[in-house]
């Protein structure tokens, strides 16, 4: 996984899996490599300007495909040839509160498949939209660098909101 974290969004390895240019809006707001996305809380990712629920989901799927290049299990599950049960309820119990869940925690879930990834992401996203961190009128952060500054301020004792 360490090598995958260092894959840059402008590299040929990334372009092989990102056929729809999912990374472009992420690059525009300061993301340069997979590690930049994976280290964030999902709530923070969804609070960055231009990164909506759909773009974040597409990015997670691209990273998942980078981590799991063999798609046979996912295709088998999709075609009802393989039955692989995943308990979102059990996952949710282990990862409370959902506001603290990172992209890494989702992607490193044991026995993760594409359907489970989407179910987890949908659950965390639903929690985000119900939380105090969501504001339908504005994003908290305009870029990744602004988020990082806010995180430094938060560690220093302020409320973590961008100034």
N, C-alpha and C. Protein backbone atom coordinates (compact mmCIF):
# COMPACT_ATOMS: atom_id res chain seq x y z
N UNK A 1 0.83 -1.20 0.00
CA UNK A 1 0.00 0.00 0.00
C UNK A 1 0.86 1.26 0.00
N UNK A 2 2.07 1.14 0.55
CA UNK A 2 2.94 2.31 0.65
C UNK A 2 3.27 2.88 -0.74
N UNK A 3 3.51 1.99 -1.70
CA UNK A 3 3.82 2.46 -3.06
C UNK A 3 2.61 3.15 -3.69
N UNK A 4 1.44 2.63 -3.42
CA UNK A 4 0.22 3.22 -3.97
C UNK A 4 0.02 4.63 -3.44
N UNK A 5 0.38 4.86 -2.18
CA UNK A 5 0.20 6.19 -1.57
C UNK A 5 1.02 7.25 -2.29
N UNK A 6 2.13 6.86 -2.87
CA UNK A 6 3.02 7.82 -3.52
C UNK A 6 2.68 8.05 -5.00
N UNK A 7 1.67 7.36 -5.52
CA UNK A 7 1.30 7.54 -6.93
C UNK A 7 0.77 8.96 -7.12
N UNK A 8 1.37 9.65 -8.06
CA UNK A 8 0.95 11.03 -8.36
C UNK A 8 -0.19 11.01 -9.38
N UNK A 9 -1.07 12.00 -9.27
CA UNK A 9 -2.24 12.05 -10.14
C UNK A 9 -1.90 12.34 -11.59
N UNK A 10 -0.69 12.81 -11.86
CA UNK A 10 -0.30 13.05 -13.25
C UNK A 10 0.60 11.95 -13.80
N UNK A 11 0.72 10.82 -13.09
CA UNK A 11 1.59 9.73 -13.52
C UNK A 11 0.84 8.77 -14.46
N UNK A 12 1.58 8.06 -15.30
CA UNK A 12 0.95 7.07 -16.19
C UNK A 12 0.20 5.98 -15.42
N UNK A 13 0.72 5.59 -14.27
CA UNK A 13 0.05 4.56 -13.46
C UNK A 13 -1.34 5.03 -13.03
N UNK A 14 -1.46 6.29 -12.65
CA UNK A 14 -2.77 6.82 -12.26
C UNK A 14 -3.68 6.94 -13.48
N UNK A 15 -3.15 7.42 -14.58
CA UNK A 15 -3.97 7.63 -15.78
C UNK A 15 -4.57 6.33 -16.31
N UNK A 16 -3.91 5.20 -16.02
CA UNK A 16 -4.44 3.91 -16.46
C UNK A 16 -5.77 3.58 -15.79
N UNK A 17 -5.96 3.99 -14.55
CA UNK A 17 -7.21 3.68 -13.85
C UNK A 17 -8.20 4.84 -13.86
N UNK A 18 -7.73 6.04 -14.13
CA UNK A 18 -8.58 7.24 -14.08
C UNK A 18 -8.98 7.65 -15.49
N UNK A 19 -9.79 6.82 -16.13
CA UNK A 19 -10.15 7.09 -17.51
C UNK A 19 -11.11 8.27 -17.68
N UNK A 20 -11.80 8.67 -16.61
CA UNK A 20 -12.75 9.78 -16.68
C UNK A 20 -12.19 11.07 -16.09
N UNK A 21 -10.91 11.11 -15.84
CA UNK A 21 -10.24 12.32 -15.31
C UNK A 21 -10.82 12.76 -13.97
N UNK A 22 -11.07 11.80 -13.11
CA UNK A 22 -11.61 12.06 -11.78
C UNK A 22 -10.69 12.98 -10.98
N UNK A 23 -9.40 12.85 -11.18
CA UNK A 23 -8.43 13.60 -10.38
C UNK A 23 -8.37 15.09 -10.70
N UNK A 24 -8.86 15.51 -11.84
CA UNK A 24 -8.71 16.92 -12.23
C UNK A 24 -9.23 17.92 -11.20
N UNK A 25 -10.46 17.78 -10.69
CA UNK A 25 -10.91 18.75 -9.67
C UNK A 25 -10.07 18.68 -8.39
N UNK A 26 -9.55 17.50 -8.08
CA UNK A 26 -8.71 17.35 -6.90
C UNK A 26 -7.37 18.08 -7.10
N UNK A 27 -6.82 17.96 -8.30
CA UNK A 27 -5.57 18.65 -8.62
C UNK A 27 -5.79 20.17 -8.54
N UNK A 28 -6.94 20.62 -9.03
CA UNK A 28 -7.24 22.06 -9.02
C UNK A 28 -7.25 22.67 -7.62
N UNK A 29 -7.58 21.87 -6.61
CA UNK A 29 -7.63 22.41 -5.24
C UNK A 29 -6.43 21.97 -4.41
N UNK A 30 -5.38 21.45 -5.06
CA UNK A 30 -4.12 21.24 -4.37
C UNK A 30 -3.69 19.82 -4.09
N UNK A 31 -4.47 18.82 -4.47
CA UNK A 31 -4.05 17.44 -4.27
C UNK A 31 -3.03 17.05 -5.34
N UNK A 32 -1.99 16.34 -4.94
CA UNK A 32 -0.96 15.95 -5.88
C UNK A 32 -0.77 14.44 -6.00
N UNK A 33 -1.06 13.72 -4.92
CA UNK A 33 -0.86 12.27 -4.94
C UNK A 33 -1.93 11.58 -4.09
N UNK A 34 -2.00 10.27 -4.21
CA UNK A 34 -3.00 9.48 -3.51
C UNK A 34 -2.95 9.72 -2.00
N UNK A 35 -1.76 9.84 -1.44
CA UNK A 35 -1.60 10.04 0.00
C UNK A 35 -2.36 11.28 0.49
N UNK A 36 -2.42 12.31 -0.33
CA UNK A 36 -3.13 13.54 0.05
C UNK A 36 -4.61 13.26 0.35
N UNK A 37 -5.21 12.35 -0.40
CA UNK A 37 -6.62 12.02 -0.21
C UNK A 37 -6.80 11.04 0.94
N UNK A 38 -5.97 10.01 0.97
CA UNK A 38 -6.12 8.90 1.91
C UNK A 38 -5.95 9.34 3.36
N UNK A 39 -5.15 10.34 3.62
CA UNK A 39 -4.89 10.77 4.99
C UNK A 39 -6.00 11.65 5.59
N UNK A 40 -6.98 12.04 4.79
CA UNK A 40 -8.03 12.95 5.27
C UNK A 40 -9.21 12.22 5.90
N UNK A 41 -9.87 12.92 6.82
CA UNK A 41 -11.18 12.44 7.28
C UNK A 41 -12.15 12.64 6.11
N UNK A 42 -13.11 11.75 5.99
CA UNK A 42 -14.10 11.88 4.92
C UNK A 42 -14.87 13.19 5.07
N UNK A 43 -15.20 13.57 6.29
CA UNK A 43 -15.93 14.83 6.51
C UNK A 43 -15.12 16.03 6.00
N UNK A 44 -13.81 16.02 6.21
CA UNK A 44 -12.97 17.12 5.71
C UNK A 44 -12.92 17.11 4.19
N UNK A 45 -12.81 15.93 3.61
CA UNK A 45 -12.77 15.81 2.15
C UNK A 45 -14.04 16.40 1.53
N UNK A 46 -15.18 16.11 2.13
CA UNK A 46 -16.45 16.61 1.61
C UNK A 46 -16.66 18.10 1.89
N UNK A 47 -15.82 18.68 2.70
CA UNK A 47 -15.92 20.11 3.02
C UNK A 47 -14.95 20.96 2.21
N UNK A 48 -14.31 20.38 1.20
CA UNK A 48 -13.40 21.13 0.33
C UNK A 48 -14.17 21.54 -0.93
N UNK A 49 -14.04 22.79 -1.29
CA UNK A 49 -14.70 23.34 -2.47
C UNK A 49 -14.42 22.47 -3.70
N UNK A 50 -15.44 22.23 -4.50
CA UNK A 50 -15.38 21.45 -5.74
C UNK A 50 -15.32 19.94 -5.53
N UNK A 51 -15.23 19.48 -4.27
CA UNK A 51 -15.20 18.04 -4.02
C UNK A 51 -16.55 17.67 -3.41
N UNK A 52 -17.48 17.30 -4.26
CA UNK A 52 -18.80 16.91 -3.75
C UNK A 52 -18.83 15.40 -3.52
N UNK A 53 -19.97 14.92 -3.10
CA UNK A 53 -20.14 13.51 -2.79
C UNK A 53 -19.78 12.61 -3.97
N UNK A 54 -20.23 12.95 -5.16
CA UNK A 54 -19.97 12.12 -6.34
C UNK A 54 -18.50 12.08 -6.70
N UNK A 55 -17.84 13.22 -6.67
CA UNK A 55 -16.41 13.25 -6.99
C UNK A 55 -15.60 12.47 -5.96
N UNK A 56 -15.95 12.62 -4.70
CA UNK A 56 -15.23 11.90 -3.65
C UNK A 56 -15.43 10.39 -3.82
N UNK A 57 -16.65 9.97 -4.13
CA UNK A 57 -16.92 8.55 -4.34
C UNK A 57 -16.13 8.01 -5.52
N UNK A 58 -16.10 8.75 -6.62
CA UNK A 58 -15.33 8.34 -7.80
C UNK A 58 -13.85 8.24 -7.47
N UNK A 59 -13.33 9.17 -6.67
CA UNK A 59 -11.93 9.13 -6.27
C UNK A 59 -11.65 7.88 -5.43
N UNK A 60 -12.52 7.57 -4.48
CA UNK A 60 -12.33 6.38 -3.66
C UNK A 60 -12.34 5.12 -4.52
N UNK A 61 -13.22 5.08 -5.51
CA UNK A 61 -13.26 3.92 -6.40
C UNK A 61 -11.97 3.80 -7.20
N UNK A 62 -11.44 4.92 -7.68
CA UNK A 62 -10.17 4.88 -8.42
C UNK A 62 -9.03 4.37 -7.53
N UNK A 63 -8.96 4.86 -6.31
CA UNK A 63 -7.91 4.41 -5.39
C UNK A 63 -8.11 2.93 -5.07
N UNK A 64 -9.36 2.51 -4.88
CA UNK A 64 -9.66 1.10 -4.64
C UNK A 64 -9.17 0.25 -5.81
N UNK A 65 -9.42 0.69 -7.04
CA UNK A 65 -8.98 -0.06 -8.22
C UNK A 65 -7.46 -0.07 -8.33
N UNK A 66 -6.81 0.96 -7.85
CA UNK A 66 -5.35 0.98 -7.82
C UNK A 66 -4.84 -0.05 -6.81
N UNK A 67 -5.52 -0.15 -5.67
CA UNK A 67 -5.13 -1.11 -4.64
C UNK A 67 -5.51 -2.54 -5.01
N UNK A 68 -6.62 -2.71 -5.71
CA UNK A 68 -7.15 -4.03 -6.09
C UNK A 68 -7.28 -4.10 -7.61
N UNK A 69 -6.18 -4.28 -8.32
CA UNK A 69 -6.28 -4.28 -9.78
C UNK A 69 -7.03 -5.49 -10.35
N UNK A 70 -7.10 -6.59 -9.61
CA UNK A 70 -7.82 -7.78 -10.07
C UNK A 70 -9.31 -7.60 -9.77
N UNK A 71 -10.09 -7.40 -10.81
CA UNK A 71 -11.51 -7.06 -10.65
C UNK A 71 -12.42 -8.29 -10.68
N UNK A 72 -11.86 -9.50 -10.73
CA UNK A 72 -12.70 -10.69 -10.88
C UNK A 72 -13.68 -10.88 -9.72
N UNK A 73 -13.25 -10.64 -8.49
CA UNK A 73 -14.15 -10.82 -7.35
C UNK A 73 -15.30 -9.82 -7.42
N UNK A 74 -14.99 -8.56 -7.69
CA UNK A 74 -16.05 -7.55 -7.80
C UNK A 74 -17.02 -7.87 -8.94
N UNK A 75 -16.48 -8.33 -10.06
CA UNK A 75 -17.35 -8.69 -11.18
C UNK A 75 -18.20 -9.91 -10.84
N UNK A 76 -17.62 -10.86 -10.13
CA UNK A 76 -18.38 -12.04 -9.70
C UNK A 76 -19.50 -11.68 -8.74
N UNK A 77 -19.23 -10.77 -7.82
CA UNK A 77 -20.27 -10.31 -6.89
C UNK A 77 -21.36 -9.57 -7.66
N UNK A 78 -20.95 -8.71 -8.57
CA UNK A 78 -21.90 -7.94 -9.37
C UNK A 78 -22.81 -8.86 -10.20
N UNK A 79 -22.23 -9.92 -10.75
CA UNK A 79 -22.98 -10.86 -11.59
C UNK A 79 -23.66 -11.97 -10.79
N UNK A 80 -23.67 -11.86 -9.47
CA UNK A 80 -24.27 -12.86 -8.57
C UNK A 80 -23.64 -14.24 -8.70
N UNK A 81 -22.38 -14.29 -9.09
CA UNK A 81 -21.65 -15.55 -9.15
C UNK A 81 -20.95 -15.85 -7.84
N UNK A 82 -20.66 -14.80 -7.08
CA UNK A 82 -19.99 -14.92 -5.78
C UNK A 82 -20.86 -14.21 -4.75
N UNK A 83 -21.02 -14.85 -3.60
CA UNK A 83 -21.77 -14.23 -2.51
C UNK A 83 -20.78 -13.88 -1.41
N UNK A 84 -20.51 -12.61 -1.24
CA UNK A 84 -19.59 -12.16 -0.19
C UNK A 84 -20.33 -11.15 0.67
N UNK A 85 -20.79 -11.61 1.82
CA UNK A 85 -21.56 -10.77 2.72
C UNK A 85 -20.63 -9.78 3.42
N UNK A 86 -21.09 -8.55 3.53
CA UNK A 86 -20.36 -7.54 4.28
C UNK A 86 -21.34 -6.85 5.22
N UNK A 87 -21.02 -6.83 6.50
CA UNK A 87 -21.91 -6.23 7.49
C UNK A 87 -21.51 -4.78 7.74
N UNK A 88 -22.27 -3.86 7.16
CA UNK A 88 -22.02 -2.44 7.41
C UNK A 88 -22.28 -2.11 8.86
N UNK A 89 -23.27 -2.74 9.43
CA UNK A 89 -23.62 -2.48 10.84
C UNK A 89 -22.43 -2.79 11.76
N UNK A 90 -21.75 -3.91 11.53
CA UNK A 90 -20.57 -4.26 12.33
C UNK A 90 -19.44 -3.26 12.10
N UNK A 91 -19.25 -2.88 10.84
CA UNK A 91 -18.20 -1.91 10.51
C UNK A 91 -18.48 -0.60 11.23
N UNK A 92 -19.73 -0.18 11.19
CA UNK A 92 -20.12 1.09 11.80
C UNK A 92 -19.89 1.07 13.31
N UNK A 93 -20.15 -0.05 13.96
CA UNK A 93 -19.92 -0.17 15.40
C UNK A 93 -18.45 0.04 15.75
N UNK A 94 -17.57 -0.50 14.92
CA UNK A 94 -16.13 -0.40 15.16
C UNK A 94 -15.59 1.00 14.88
N UNK A 95 -16.29 1.77 14.08
CA UNK A 95 -15.76 3.05 13.61
C UNK A 95 -16.58 4.25 14.08
N UNK A 96 -17.09 4.19 15.28
CA UNK A 96 -17.83 5.32 15.84
C UNK A 96 -16.87 6.31 16.46
N UNK A 97 -17.08 7.56 16.39
CA UNK A 97 -18.09 8.25 15.61
C UNK A 97 -17.68 8.32 14.14
N UNK A 98 -18.66 8.34 13.27
CA UNK A 98 -18.37 8.36 11.83
C UNK A 98 -17.69 9.65 11.40
N UNK A 99 -17.79 10.68 12.19
CA UNK A 99 -17.13 11.95 11.85
C UNK A 99 -15.61 11.82 11.85
N UNK A 100 -15.08 10.82 12.51
CA UNK A 100 -13.64 10.64 12.57
C UNK A 100 -13.08 9.66 11.56
N UNK A 101 -13.92 9.08 10.73
CA UNK A 101 -13.48 8.06 9.77
C UNK A 101 -12.63 8.70 8.68
N UNK A 102 -11.48 8.09 8.42
CA UNK A 102 -10.59 8.56 7.36
C UNK A 102 -10.80 7.73 6.10
N UNK A 103 -10.35 8.25 4.99
CA UNK A 103 -10.41 7.52 3.73
C UNK A 103 -9.59 6.23 3.87
N UNK A 104 -8.46 6.30 4.55
CA UNK A 104 -7.61 5.13 4.76
C UNK A 104 -8.38 4.02 5.49
N UNK A 105 -9.14 4.38 6.52
CA UNK A 105 -9.90 3.38 7.27
C UNK A 105 -10.90 2.66 6.37
N UNK A 106 -11.51 3.38 5.46
CA UNK A 106 -12.45 2.76 4.54
C UNK A 106 -11.72 1.82 3.60
N UNK A 107 -10.63 2.30 3.00
CA UNK A 107 -9.92 1.52 1.98
C UNK A 107 -9.18 0.32 2.55
N UNK A 108 -8.87 0.32 3.83
CA UNK A 108 -8.14 -0.81 4.42
C UNK A 108 -9.06 -1.74 5.21
N UNK A 109 -10.36 -1.61 5.01
CA UNK A 109 -11.32 -2.50 5.67
C UNK A 109 -11.10 -3.93 5.21
N UNK A 110 -11.12 -4.85 6.16
CA UNK A 110 -10.91 -6.26 5.85
C UNK A 110 -12.05 -6.78 4.97
N UNK A 111 -11.71 -7.60 3.98
CA UNK A 111 -12.68 -8.20 3.05
C UNK A 111 -13.48 -7.16 2.28
N UNK A 112 -12.86 -6.03 1.99
CA UNK A 112 -13.54 -4.96 1.26
C UNK A 112 -13.74 -5.36 -0.20
N UNK A 113 -14.91 -5.11 -0.72
CA UNK A 113 -15.17 -5.24 -2.14
C UNK A 113 -15.81 -3.93 -2.60
N UNK A 114 -16.03 -3.80 -3.88
CA UNK A 114 -16.53 -2.52 -4.40
C UNK A 114 -17.90 -2.18 -3.82
N UNK A 115 -18.78 -3.15 -3.72
CA UNK A 115 -20.10 -2.91 -3.15
C UNK A 115 -20.02 -2.46 -1.70
N UNK A 116 -19.15 -3.10 -0.94
CA UNK A 116 -18.97 -2.74 0.48
C UNK A 116 -18.39 -1.33 0.59
N UNK A 117 -17.44 -1.01 -0.28
CA UNK A 117 -16.85 0.34 -0.28
C UNK A 117 -17.93 1.39 -0.50
N UNK A 118 -18.79 1.15 -1.47
CA UNK A 118 -19.86 2.10 -1.76
C UNK A 118 -20.85 2.20 -0.60
N UNK A 119 -21.16 1.07 0.04
CA UNK A 119 -22.08 1.08 1.18
C UNK A 119 -21.49 1.87 2.35
N UNK A 120 -20.21 1.63 2.64
CA UNK A 120 -19.55 2.36 3.72
C UNK A 120 -19.53 3.85 3.42
N UNK A 121 -19.12 4.20 2.20
CA UNK A 121 -19.04 5.61 1.83
C UNK A 121 -20.41 6.28 1.91
N UNK A 122 -21.44 5.59 1.45
CA UNK A 122 -22.80 6.16 1.53
C UNK A 122 -23.21 6.40 2.97
N UNK A 123 -22.86 5.47 3.86
CA UNK A 123 -23.20 5.63 5.27
C UNK A 123 -22.48 6.80 5.92
N UNK A 124 -21.19 6.92 5.63
CA UNK A 124 -20.40 8.03 6.19
C UNK A 124 -20.88 9.36 5.60
N UNK A 125 -21.19 9.37 4.32
CA UNK A 125 -21.69 10.58 3.67
C UNK A 125 -23.04 11.01 4.27
N UNK A 126 -23.92 10.04 4.51
CA UNK A 126 -25.21 10.36 5.13
C UNK A 126 -25.00 10.99 6.50
N UNK A 127 -24.04 10.46 7.26
CA UNK A 127 -23.73 11.03 8.58
C UNK A 127 -23.19 12.45 8.43
N UNK A 128 -22.38 12.69 7.39
CA UNK A 128 -21.84 14.03 7.15
C UNK A 128 -22.97 15.03 6.90
N UNK A 129 -23.91 14.67 6.04
CA UNK A 129 -24.99 15.60 5.70
C UNK A 129 -25.93 15.87 6.87
N UNK A 130 -25.93 15.01 7.86
CA UNK A 130 -26.74 15.21 9.07
C UNK A 130 -25.97 15.94 10.17
N UNK A 131 -24.67 16.11 9.98
CA UNK A 131 -23.81 16.65 11.03
C UNK A 131 -23.77 18.18 11.04
N UNK A 132 -23.20 18.71 12.10
CA UNK A 132 -22.99 20.16 12.21
C UNK A 132 -21.88 20.64 11.28
N UNK A 133 -21.05 19.73 10.78
CA UNK A 133 -19.95 20.12 9.90
C UNK A 133 -20.42 20.46 8.50
N UNK A 134 -21.62 20.05 8.15
CA UNK A 134 -22.17 20.31 6.82
C UNK A 134 -22.92 21.63 6.80
N UNK A 135 -22.64 22.44 5.80
CA UNK A 135 -23.36 23.68 5.58
C UNK A 135 -23.72 23.71 4.09
N UNK A 136 -24.99 23.71 3.78
CA UNK A 136 -25.42 23.65 2.39
C UNK A 136 -25.10 24.91 1.61
N UNK A 137 -24.74 25.98 2.30
CA UNK A 137 -24.49 27.25 1.63
C UNK A 137 -23.02 27.50 1.29
N UNK A 138 -22.13 26.83 2.00
CA UNK A 138 -20.71 27.08 1.72
C UNK A 138 -19.84 25.91 2.17
N UNK A 139 -18.71 25.77 1.51
CA UNK A 139 -17.70 24.81 1.92
C UNK A 139 -16.83 25.46 2.98
N UNK A 140 -16.28 24.67 3.86
CA UNK A 140 -15.39 25.23 4.89
C UNK A 140 -14.03 25.62 4.30
N UNK A 141 -13.57 24.86 3.33
CA UNK A 141 -12.21 25.05 2.82
C UNK A 141 -12.23 25.23 1.30
N UNK A 142 -11.42 26.16 0.81
CA UNK A 142 -11.36 26.38 -0.62
C UNK A 142 -10.30 25.51 -1.29
N UNK A 143 -9.38 24.97 -0.49
CA UNK A 143 -8.31 24.15 -1.04
C UNK A 143 -7.73 23.25 0.03
N UNK A 144 -6.90 22.33 -0.40
CA UNK A 144 -6.23 21.42 0.54
C UNK A 144 -5.31 22.19 1.48
N UNK A 145 -4.62 23.20 0.96
CA UNK A 145 -3.71 23.97 1.82
C UNK A 145 -4.49 24.73 2.90
N UNK A 146 -5.67 25.22 2.57
CA UNK A 146 -6.49 25.91 3.58
C UNK A 146 -6.95 24.92 4.66
N UNK A 147 -7.29 23.71 4.26
CA UNK A 147 -7.66 22.67 5.23
C UNK A 147 -6.48 22.36 6.15
N UNK A 148 -5.30 22.22 5.57
CA UNK A 148 -4.12 21.92 6.39
C UNK A 148 -3.81 23.05 7.37
N UNK A 149 -3.97 24.29 6.94
CA UNK A 149 -3.77 25.43 7.86
C UNK A 149 -4.78 25.37 9.00
N UNK A 150 -6.03 25.07 8.67
CA UNK A 150 -7.07 24.98 9.70
C UNK A 150 -6.77 23.85 10.68
N UNK A 151 -6.23 22.74 10.17
CA UNK A 151 -5.88 21.62 11.05
C UNK A 151 -4.75 22.01 11.99
N UNK A 152 -3.78 22.79 11.48
CA UNK A 152 -2.69 23.26 12.35
C UNK A 152 -3.22 24.19 13.42
N UNK A 153 -4.14 25.08 13.04
CA UNK A 153 -4.75 25.98 14.02
C UNK A 153 -5.53 25.20 15.07
N UNK A 154 -6.21 24.17 14.62
CA UNK A 154 -7.00 23.35 15.54
C UNK A 154 -6.09 22.67 16.57
N UNK A 155 -4.96 22.18 16.11
CA UNK A 155 -3.99 21.57 17.02
C UNK A 155 -3.44 22.61 17.99
N UNK A 156 -3.42 23.87 17.53
CA UNK A 156 -2.92 24.95 18.37
C UNK A 156 -3.96 25.54 19.30
N UNK A 157 -5.22 25.05 19.21
CA UNK A 157 -6.22 25.50 20.18
C UNK A 157 -7.37 26.31 19.62
N UNK A 158 -7.40 26.61 18.31
CA UNK A 158 -8.55 27.34 17.78
C UNK A 158 -9.60 26.33 17.36
N UNK A 159 -10.69 26.80 16.81
CA UNK A 159 -11.82 25.93 16.50
C UNK A 159 -11.66 25.12 15.22
N UNK A 160 -10.62 25.30 14.45
CA UNK A 160 -10.37 24.52 13.26
C UNK A 160 -11.02 25.06 12.00
N UNK A 161 -11.83 26.09 12.11
CA UNK A 161 -12.46 26.66 10.92
C UNK A 161 -11.46 27.57 10.23
N UNK A 162 -11.59 27.62 8.92
CA UNK A 162 -10.70 28.48 8.15
C UNK A 162 -10.93 29.93 8.52
N UNK A 163 -9.87 30.69 8.58
CA UNK A 163 -9.96 32.10 8.97
C UNK A 163 -10.24 32.94 7.75
